[in-house]
């Protein structure tokens, strides 16, 4: 029994997905392997935390929203 070449299997799979109404998309995401990735995460987290501390109205809104979920079940 001859096996189907990889590119033919990939094409068949993609064609089946397209027939199911799906289409391929390309998504670019940060490369977590880069040496400066963790440092950049910390930097952005600090900025977000500082903004949160400075916005007391947002904190009150979040506290009110949190208290509104009492009794909810998953």
N, C-alpha and C. Protein backbone atom coordinates (compact mmCIF):
# COMPACT_ATOMS: atom_id res chain seq x y z
N UNK A 1 0.85 -1.18 0.00
CA UNK A 1 0.00 0.00 0.00
C UNK A 1 0.89 1.24 0.00
N UNK A 2 0.75 2.09 -0.99
CA UNK A 2 1.55 3.31 -1.09
C UNK A 2 0.97 4.37 -0.16
N UNK A 3 1.86 5.06 0.52
CA UNK A 3 1.39 6.13 1.40
C UNK A 3 1.30 7.43 0.61
N UNK A 4 0.35 8.26 1.01
CA UNK A 4 0.13 9.53 0.35
C UNK A 4 1.23 10.51 0.79
N UNK A 5 1.83 11.25 -0.12
CA UNK A 5 2.84 12.25 0.27
C UNK A 5 2.25 13.27 1.27
N UNK A 6 3.11 13.80 2.10
CA UNK A 6 2.68 14.72 3.15
C UNK A 6 1.90 15.90 2.58
N UNK A 7 2.41 16.51 1.50
CA UNK A 7 1.73 17.69 0.96
C UNK A 7 0.33 17.35 0.45
N UNK A 8 0.13 16.13 -0.03
CA UNK A 8 -1.20 15.71 -0.49
C UNK A 8 -2.14 15.53 0.70
N UNK A 9 -1.61 14.95 1.80
CA UNK A 9 -2.44 14.79 3.01
C UNK A 9 -2.83 16.14 3.59
N UNK A 10 -1.88 17.06 3.62
CA UNK A 10 -2.16 18.41 4.13
C UNK A 10 -3.21 19.09 3.26
N UNK A 11 -3.09 18.98 1.96
CA UNK A 11 -4.07 19.59 1.05
C UNK A 11 -5.46 18.98 1.27
N UNK A 12 -5.50 17.66 1.41
CA UNK A 12 -6.79 16.98 1.63
C UNK A 12 -7.43 17.47 2.94
N UNK A 13 -6.61 17.58 3.98
CA UNK A 13 -7.11 18.04 5.28
C UNK A 13 -7.62 19.48 5.18
N UNK A 14 -6.83 20.34 4.54
CA UNK A 14 -7.23 21.74 4.40
C UNK A 14 -8.49 21.88 3.54
N UNK A 15 -8.58 21.09 2.49
CA UNK A 15 -9.78 21.12 1.65
C UNK A 15 -11.01 20.70 2.46
N UNK A 16 -10.86 19.69 3.31
CA UNK A 16 -11.98 19.25 4.16
C UNK A 16 -12.40 20.35 5.12
N UNK A 17 -11.42 21.05 5.67
CA UNK A 17 -11.75 22.16 6.58
C UNK A 17 -12.48 23.28 5.84
N UNK A 18 -12.01 23.59 4.64
CA UNK A 18 -12.68 24.62 3.83
C UNK A 18 -14.11 24.20 3.50
N UNK A 19 -14.30 22.92 3.18
CA UNK A 19 -15.64 22.41 2.87
C UNK A 19 -16.55 22.51 4.10
N UNK A 20 -15.95 22.49 5.28
CA UNK A 20 -16.72 22.62 6.53
C UNK A 20 -17.01 24.08 6.85
N UNK A 21 -16.58 24.99 5.96
CA UNK A 21 -16.86 26.41 6.16
C UNK A 21 -15.79 27.16 6.91
N UNK A 22 -14.62 26.56 7.09
CA UNK A 22 -13.53 27.23 7.80
C UNK A 22 -12.53 27.80 6.80
N UNK A 23 -11.75 28.75 7.26
CA UNK A 23 -10.70 29.29 6.41
C UNK A 23 -9.46 29.50 7.24
N UNK A 24 -8.29 29.40 6.63
CA UNK A 24 -7.05 29.57 7.39
C UNK A 24 -6.77 31.05 7.66
N UNK A 25 -6.19 31.30 8.81
CA UNK A 25 -5.73 32.65 9.15
C UNK A 25 -4.32 32.54 9.72
N UNK A 26 -3.59 33.63 9.63
CA UNK A 26 -2.25 33.66 10.19
C UNK A 26 -2.26 34.61 11.37
N UNK A 27 -1.76 34.16 12.51
CA UNK A 27 -1.73 34.97 13.72
C UNK A 27 -0.29 35.09 14.18
N UNK A 28 0.14 36.31 14.38
CA UNK A 28 1.48 36.56 14.89
C UNK A 28 1.39 36.80 16.39
N UNK A 29 2.19 36.09 17.15
CA UNK A 29 2.20 36.22 18.61
C UNK A 29 3.62 36.50 19.07
N UNK A 30 3.78 37.07 20.26
CA UNK A 30 5.13 37.33 20.76
C UNK A 30 5.92 36.03 20.91
N UNK A 31 7.21 36.12 20.65
CA UNK A 31 8.09 34.97 20.80
C UNK A 31 8.54 34.89 22.25
N UNK A 32 7.97 33.96 22.99
CA UNK A 32 8.27 33.83 24.42
C UNK A 32 9.67 33.29 24.68
N UNK A 33 10.35 32.86 23.64
CA UNK A 33 11.71 32.33 23.81
C UNK A 33 12.77 33.43 23.82
N UNK A 34 12.40 34.64 23.43
CA UNK A 34 13.38 35.71 23.38
C UNK A 34 13.85 36.07 24.79
N UNK A 35 15.12 36.44 24.93
CA UNK A 35 15.66 36.74 26.27
C UNK A 35 14.95 37.89 26.98
N UNK A 36 14.49 38.87 26.24
CA UNK A 36 13.89 40.05 26.89
C UNK A 36 12.38 39.91 27.08
N UNK A 37 11.79 38.77 26.74
CA UNK A 37 10.34 38.61 26.84
C UNK A 37 9.85 38.78 28.28
N UNK A 38 10.45 38.09 29.22
CA UNK A 38 10.02 38.16 30.63
C UNK A 38 10.18 39.58 31.17
N UNK A 39 11.27 40.23 30.81
CA UNK A 39 11.50 41.61 31.26
C UNK A 39 10.41 42.54 30.72
N UNK A 40 10.03 42.36 29.48
CA UNK A 40 8.98 43.18 28.87
C UNK A 40 7.63 42.90 29.53
N UNK A 41 7.37 41.67 29.89
CA UNK A 41 6.12 41.33 30.60
C UNK A 41 6.06 42.05 31.94
N UNK A 42 7.18 42.02 32.67
CA UNK A 42 7.23 42.71 33.96
C UNK A 42 7.02 44.22 33.77
N UNK A 43 7.66 44.79 32.76
CA UNK A 43 7.52 46.23 32.51
C UNK A 43 6.07 46.60 32.24
N UNK A 44 5.42 45.85 31.37
CA UNK A 44 4.02 46.15 31.04
C UNK A 44 3.10 45.90 32.23
N UNK A 45 3.40 44.88 33.03
CA UNK A 45 2.60 44.61 34.22
C UNK A 45 2.69 45.74 35.23
N UNK A 46 3.90 46.28 35.39
CA UNK A 46 4.08 47.43 36.29
C UNK A 46 3.26 48.64 35.82
N UNK A 47 3.29 48.90 34.53
CA UNK A 47 2.53 50.02 33.98
C UNK A 47 1.04 49.82 34.23
N UNK A 48 0.54 48.61 33.99
CA UNK A 48 -0.88 48.32 34.21
C UNK A 48 -1.23 48.45 35.68
N UNK A 49 -0.36 47.96 36.58
CA UNK A 49 -0.62 48.05 38.02
C UNK A 49 -0.64 49.50 38.48
N UNK A 50 0.27 50.31 37.97
CA UNK A 50 0.29 51.73 38.33
C UNK A 50 -0.97 52.43 37.85
N UNK A 51 -1.42 52.10 36.65
CA UNK A 51 -2.65 52.70 36.12
C UNK A 51 -3.85 52.28 36.96
N UNK A 52 -3.88 51.00 37.37
CA UNK A 52 -4.98 50.52 38.21
C UNK A 52 -5.01 51.24 39.55
N UNK A 53 -3.84 51.45 40.16
CA UNK A 53 -3.79 52.12 41.47
C UNK A 53 -4.21 53.58 41.35
N UNK A 54 -3.94 54.19 40.22
CA UNK A 54 -4.27 55.60 40.03
C UNK A 54 -5.75 55.81 39.71
N UNK A 55 -6.44 54.79 39.28
CA UNK A 55 -7.84 54.91 38.86
C UNK A 55 -8.75 54.35 39.94
N UNK A 56 -9.08 55.17 40.92
CA UNK A 56 -9.90 54.71 42.04
C UNK A 56 -11.33 54.40 41.59
N UNK A 57 -11.83 55.13 40.60
CA UNK A 57 -13.18 54.85 40.10
C UNK A 57 -13.26 53.43 39.52
N UNK A 58 -12.23 53.03 38.81
CA UNK A 58 -12.22 51.69 38.23
C UNK A 58 -12.20 50.64 39.33
N UNK A 59 -11.41 50.90 40.38
CA UNK A 59 -11.34 49.93 41.48
C UNK A 59 -12.69 49.78 42.15
N UNK A 60 -13.40 50.90 42.34
CA UNK A 60 -14.74 50.83 42.93
C UNK A 60 -15.70 50.07 42.03
N UNK A 61 -15.61 50.29 40.73
CA UNK A 61 -16.45 49.57 39.78
C UNK A 61 -16.16 48.07 39.83
N UNK A 62 -14.89 47.71 39.87
CA UNK A 62 -14.52 46.30 39.92
C UNK A 62 -14.99 45.65 41.23
N UNK A 63 -14.86 46.37 42.34
CA UNK A 63 -15.33 45.84 43.62
C UNK A 63 -16.84 45.62 43.59
N UNK A 64 -17.57 46.57 43.01
CA UNK A 64 -19.03 46.45 42.91
C UNK A 64 -19.40 45.28 42.01
N UNK A 65 -18.70 45.12 40.92
CA UNK A 65 -18.98 44.01 40.01
C UNK A 65 -18.69 42.67 40.68
N UNK A 66 -17.62 42.60 41.44
CA UNK A 66 -17.27 41.37 42.13
C UNK A 66 -18.30 41.00 43.16
N UNK A 67 -18.82 42.00 43.88
CA UNK A 67 -19.81 41.70 44.91
C UNK A 67 -21.14 41.26 44.30
N UNK A 68 -21.34 41.58 43.02
CA UNK A 68 -22.59 41.25 42.34
C UNK A 68 -22.64 39.79 41.88
N UNK A 69 -21.52 39.08 41.94
CA UNK A 69 -21.51 37.70 41.46
C UNK A 69 -21.71 36.69 42.60
N UNK A 70 -21.90 37.17 43.82
CA UNK A 70 -22.14 36.26 44.93
C UNK A 70 -23.33 35.35 44.63
N UNK A 71 -23.15 34.06 44.82
CA UNK A 71 -24.23 33.12 44.59
C UNK A 71 -24.27 32.54 43.18
N UNK A 72 -23.45 33.06 42.28
CA UNK A 72 -23.40 32.50 40.93
C UNK A 72 -22.75 31.13 41.01
N UNK A 73 -23.18 30.25 40.16
CA UNK A 73 -22.56 28.92 40.10
C UNK A 73 -22.00 28.69 38.70
N UNK A 74 -21.03 27.86 38.66
CA UNK A 74 -20.39 27.57 37.36
C UNK A 74 -21.17 26.57 36.57
